[in-house]
Amino acid sequence: MSEGPEEVSFSRDYFVEMDVRSEDAYKLANEWFDEVVFTKKLVLKSSPDWTSLKEEVKALRKTYGKVALLIVTKKPSLIREVKGRNLRALIYVQGGDMRINRTAIESRVDALISPWLGRKDYGFDHTLAGMASRRGVAIGFSLAPLLRANPYERALTLRFMMKVWELTRKYRVPRFLTSSAESRWEVRSPRDLMSLGINIGMEIPEARASLNFHPRRILQKLKN
């Protein structure tokens, strides 16, 4: 399936890794990808110290350039709080809880990562897909949880990813493929991530666009 005429404005051989979560993972990914986003996991039970967080993000930008904050929380209000701050970082939300999935999209975060994580269903429906498309919220398809799963969990997760991809394609939702690596051992090459996309139903141009066109569109937000 074609991604439309806009795709031709980007080199087809340019790949972006949107989510690595440790220094050693970043160093390896930086050898394989043209651009890499370093992600700081932000586990929140209450509001963070905003001054300290801003200083930490500033330091991370000096070291890594492009930075994302991954919000892991059970409180939807904290997503809105973080999104309302000018932290000069991409804002991701770890999916799984349906209230969190919905709030992430309503709040126009930059990406909802693995909305099916830890669920017995895929955590994403037609309503959320339509909303994500209108609000420009990307879906992150992460490989790392598959590496940690047992065979039954892996098969179930792949089925959920296929369902979410069907909705993402139907509603033209932005998306990216990523390792979400927390160590160098979880980092994978662009070819491996494209293989993940193909396994969940993407055609080759769609898998390529999930490492090129869509990530580069998202990264443009950091220039605003």
Protein backbone atom coordinates (compact mmCIF):
# COMPACT_ATOMS: atom_id res chain seq x y z
CA MET A 1 0.00 0.00 0.00
CA SER A 2 1.35 3.43 -0.93
CA GLU A 3 1.96 5.98 1.81
CA GLY A 4 0.99 8.81 -0.53
CA PRO A 5 2.98 11.41 -2.46
CA GLU A 6 4.54 12.97 0.66
CA GLU A 7 6.79 9.94 1.20
CA VAL A 8 8.93 10.71 -1.83
CA SER A 9 10.27 13.84 -0.11
CA PHE A 10 12.31 11.65 2.24
CA SER A 11 15.18 9.33 1.34
CA ARG A 12 14.08 5.70 1.40
CA ASP A 13 17.41 4.67 2.92
CA TYR A 14 17.10 6.90 5.98
CA PHE A 15 16.00 5.13 9.19
CA VAL A 16 14.96 6.45 12.58
CA GLU A 17 14.87 4.60 15.91
CA MET A 18 12.27 6.41 18.01
CA ASP A 19 12.66 4.76 21.42
CA VAL A 20 15.78 3.47 23.16
CA ARG A 21 15.98 3.70 26.92
CA SER A 22 19.60 3.34 28.05
CA GLU A 23 23.01 4.73 27.19
CA ASP A 24 24.38 1.43 25.86
CA ALA A 25 21.25 0.85 23.77
CA TYR A 26 21.59 4.35 22.33
CA LYS A 27 25.24 3.84 21.39
CA LEU A 28 24.49 0.65 19.46
CA ALA A 29 21.35 2.01 17.81
CA ASN A 30 23.33 5.08 16.74
CA GLU A 31 25.57 2.80 14.66
CA TRP A 32 22.61 1.36 12.73
CA PHE A 33 20.19 4.27 12.41
CA ASP A 34 20.49 7.75 10.95
CA GLU A 35 18.65 9.31 13.90
CA VAL A 36 17.94 7.93 17.37
CA VAL A 37 15.64 9.24 20.11
CA PHE A 38 16.76 8.64 23.69
CA THR A 39 13.78 7.93 25.94
CA LYS A 40 13.67 8.64 29.66
CA LYS A 41 11.11 6.49 31.44
CA LEU A 42 9.05 8.59 33.82
CA VAL A 43 7.17 6.40 36.33
CA LEU A 44 4.66 8.71 38.01
CA LYS A 45 2.40 8.28 41.03
CA SER A 46 2.22 12.03 41.66
CA SER A 47 3.43 15.24 40.05
CA PRO A 48 7.20 15.32 39.51
CA ASP A 49 9.53 18.08 40.60
CA TRP A 50 9.17 20.16 37.46
CA THR A 51 12.34 22.20 37.97
CA SER A 52 14.47 19.08 38.39
CA LEU A 53 12.79 17.37 35.45
CA LYS A 54 13.37 20.34 33.15
CA GLU A 55 17.04 20.42 34.13
CA GLU A 56 17.37 16.69 33.52
CA VAL A 57 15.74 16.94 30.10
CA LYS A 58 18.04 19.84 29.25
CA ALA A 59 21.08 17.73 30.17
CA LEU A 60 19.78 14.77 28.16
CA ARG A 61 19.29 17.00 25.11
CA LYS A 62 22.92 18.11 25.35
CA THR A 63 24.03 14.48 25.43
CA TYR A 64 21.62 12.82 23.00
CA GLY A 65 20.04 15.61 20.97
CA LYS A 66 16.56 14.16 20.54
CA VAL A 67 14.78 13.15 23.74
CA ALA A 68 11.41 11.62 24.62
CA LEU A 69 9.71 11.17 27.98
CA LEU A 70 7.81 7.90 28.41
CA ILE A 71 5.03 8.39 30.96
CA VAL A 72 4.21 5.25 32.93
CA THR A 73 1.29 5.92 35.25
CA LYS A 74 -2.14 4.79 36.43
CA LYS A 75 -3.36 8.40 36.80
CA PRO A 76 -4.71 10.02 33.62
CA SER A 77 -4.42 13.50 35.17
CA LEU A 78 -0.62 13.17 35.25
CA ILE A 79 -0.52 12.70 31.48
CA ARG A 80 -2.34 16.01 31.04
CA GLU A 81 0.05 17.67 33.52
CA VAL A 82 3.17 16.56 31.69
CA LYS A 83 1.71 17.41 28.30
CA GLY A 84 0.86 20.89 29.53
CA ARG A 85 4.50 21.66 30.37
CA ASN A 86 6.96 22.95 27.80
CA LEU A 87 9.62 20.28 28.36
CA ARG A 88 11.09 20.38 24.84
CA ALA A 89 10.87 16.62 24.50
CA LEU A 90 8.56 14.21 22.73
CA ILE A 91 5.88 12.86 25.06
CA TYR A 92 5.15 9.14 24.89
CA VAL A 93 2.70 7.19 27.05
CA GLN A 94 3.07 3.53 27.93
CA GLY A 95 -0.21 1.90 26.98
CA GLY A 96 -2.11 -0.94 28.59
CA ASP A 97 -4.74 0.60 30.85
CA MET A 98 -7.73 1.62 28.71
CA ARG A 99 -8.23 4.90 30.59
CA ILE A 100 -4.59 5.73 30.02
CA ASN A 101 -4.82 4.83 26.33
CA ARG A 102 -7.79 7.14 25.88
CA THR A 103 -6.34 10.02 27.89
CA ALA A 104 -3.05 9.83 25.98
CA ILE A 105 -4.89 10.29 22.70
CA GLU A 106 -7.26 12.95 24.04
CA SER A 107 -4.25 14.88 25.38
CA ARG A 108 -2.50 14.81 21.99
CA VAL A 109 0.71 13.19 23.21
CA ASP A 110 3.21 12.38 20.51
CA ALA A 111 2.87 8.60 20.75
CA LEU A 112 1.02 5.84 22.56
CA ILE A 113 3.37 2.89 22.94
CA SER A 114 1.96 -0.67 22.82
CA PRO A 115 -1.69 -0.01 23.82
CA TRP A 116 -2.15 -3.79 24.21
CA LEU A 117 0.62 -4.25 26.80
CA GLY A 118 -0.42 -6.53 29.66
CA ARG A 119 -4.00 -6.80 28.40
CA LYS A 120 -6.24 -9.67 27.35
CA ASP A 121 -7.39 -7.65 24.37
CA TYR A 122 -5.68 -5.18 22.08
CA GLY A 123 -6.64 -2.01 23.97
CA PHE A 124 -7.44 0.00 20.85
CA ASP A 125 -10.72 0.33 18.97
CA HIS A 126 -12.28 2.21 16.07
CA THR A 127 -13.12 5.21 18.25
CA LEU A 128 -9.55 5.56 19.54
CA ALA A 129 -8.11 5.00 16.06
CA GLY A 130 -10.24 7.76 14.58
CA MET A 131 -9.33 10.09 17.42
CA ALA A 132 -5.61 9.29 17.10
CA SER A 133 -5.75 10.05 13.38
CA ARG A 134 -7.48 13.40 13.90
CA ARG A 135 -5.16 14.44 16.73
CA GLY A 136 -1.92 13.23 15.20
CA VAL A 137 -1.06 10.74 17.95
CA ALA A 138 1.25 8.00 16.72
CA ILE A 139 1.12 4.34 17.72
CA GLY A 140 4.45 2.79 18.67
CA PHE A 141 4.83 -0.88 17.75
CA SER A 142 7.54 -2.15 20.13
CA LEU A 143 9.65 -5.25 19.71
CA ALA A 144 11.14 -5.49 23.24
CA PRO A 145 8.04 -6.98 24.96
CA LEU A 146 8.09 -9.81 22.43
CA LEU A 147 11.69 -10.62 23.32
CA ARG A 148 10.74 -10.99 27.00
CA ALA A 149 7.57 -13.02 26.45
CA ASN A 150 7.03 -16.75 26.61
CA PRO A 151 5.75 -18.49 23.43
CA TYR A 152 2.07 -18.18 24.41
CA GLU A 153 2.41 -14.50 25.34
CA ARG A 154 4.36 -13.82 22.15
CA ALA A 155 1.67 -15.36 19.94
CA LEU A 156 -1.06 -13.41 21.76
CA THR A 157 0.86 -10.14 21.53
CA LEU A 158 1.47 -10.59 17.82
CA ARG A 159 -2.26 -11.14 17.31
CA PHE A 160 -3.03 -7.94 19.20
CA MET A 161 -0.43 -6.04 17.19
CA MET A 162 -2.02 -7.27 13.98
CA LYS A 163 -5.43 -5.97 15.09
CA VAL A 164 -4.01 -2.59 16.07
CA TRP A 165 -2.17 -2.38 12.76
CA GLU A 166 -5.41 -3.05 10.87
CA LEU A 167 -7.03 -0.08 12.62
CA THR A 168 -3.93 2.08 12.21
CA ARG A 169 -3.93 1.41 8.48
CA LYS A 170 -7.69 1.91 8.10
CA TYR A 171 -7.74 5.26 9.89
CA ARG A 172 -4.34 6.45 8.63
CA VAL A 173 -2.88 6.84 12.10
CA PRO A 174 0.79 7.92 12.35
CA ARG A 175 3.01 5.13 13.65
CA PHE A 176 6.51 3.80 14.07
CA LEU A 177 8.32 0.53 14.60
CA THR A 178 10.81 0.54 17.45
CA SER A 179 12.88 -1.74 19.61
CA SER A 180 12.00 0.16 22.85
CA ALA A 181 15.33 -1.32 23.97
CA GLU A 182 16.29 -1.01 27.63
CA SER A 183 19.70 -2.58 27.00
CA ARG A 184 22.01 -3.08 24.03
CA TRP A 185 20.84 -6.72 23.85
CA GLU A 186 17.35 -5.58 22.85
CA VAL A 187 18.45 -3.23 20.07
CA ARG A 188 17.58 -4.44 16.59
CA SER A 189 18.56 -3.27 13.12
CA PRO A 190 16.21 -1.50 10.68
CA ARG A 191 15.89 -4.77 8.75
CA ASP A 192 14.76 -6.63 11.88
CA LEU A 193 12.20 -3.95 12.73
CA MET A 194 10.89 -4.00 9.17
CA SER A 195 10.49 -7.78 9.55
CA LEU A 196 8.36 -7.18 12.65
CA GLY A 197 6.16 -4.82 10.64
CA ILE A 198 5.77 -7.36 7.84
CA ASN A 199 4.90 -10.08 10.38
CA ILE A 200 2.00 -8.02 11.73
CA GLY A 201 0.62 -7.33 8.27
CA MET A 202 2.48 -4.36 6.85
CA GLU A 203 3.55 -4.33 3.25
CA ILE A 204 7.20 -3.50 2.65
CA PRO A 205 6.59 0.20 1.81
CA GLU A 206 4.44 0.53 4.95
CA ALA A 207 7.12 -1.04 7.14
CA ARG A 208 9.75 1.22 5.61
CA ALA A 209 7.57 4.30 6.17
CA SER A 210 7.24 3.26 9.82
CA LEU A 211 11.01 3.76 10.18
CA ASN A 212 11.30 6.76 7.91
CA PHE A 213 8.37 8.93 6.85
CA HIS A 214 6.28 8.82 10.03
CA PRO A 215 9.17 9.12 12.53
CA ARG A 216 10.64 12.05 10.62
CA ARG A 217 7.28 13.81 10.64
CA ILE A 218 7.10 13.33 14.41
CA LEU A 219 10.66 14.62 14.92
CA GLN A 220 9.74 17.85 13.17
CA LYS A 221 7.74 18.73 16.30
CA LEU A 222 11.02 19.16 18.19
CA LYS A 223 11.96 21.99 15.84
CA ASN A 224 8.86 24.05 16.65
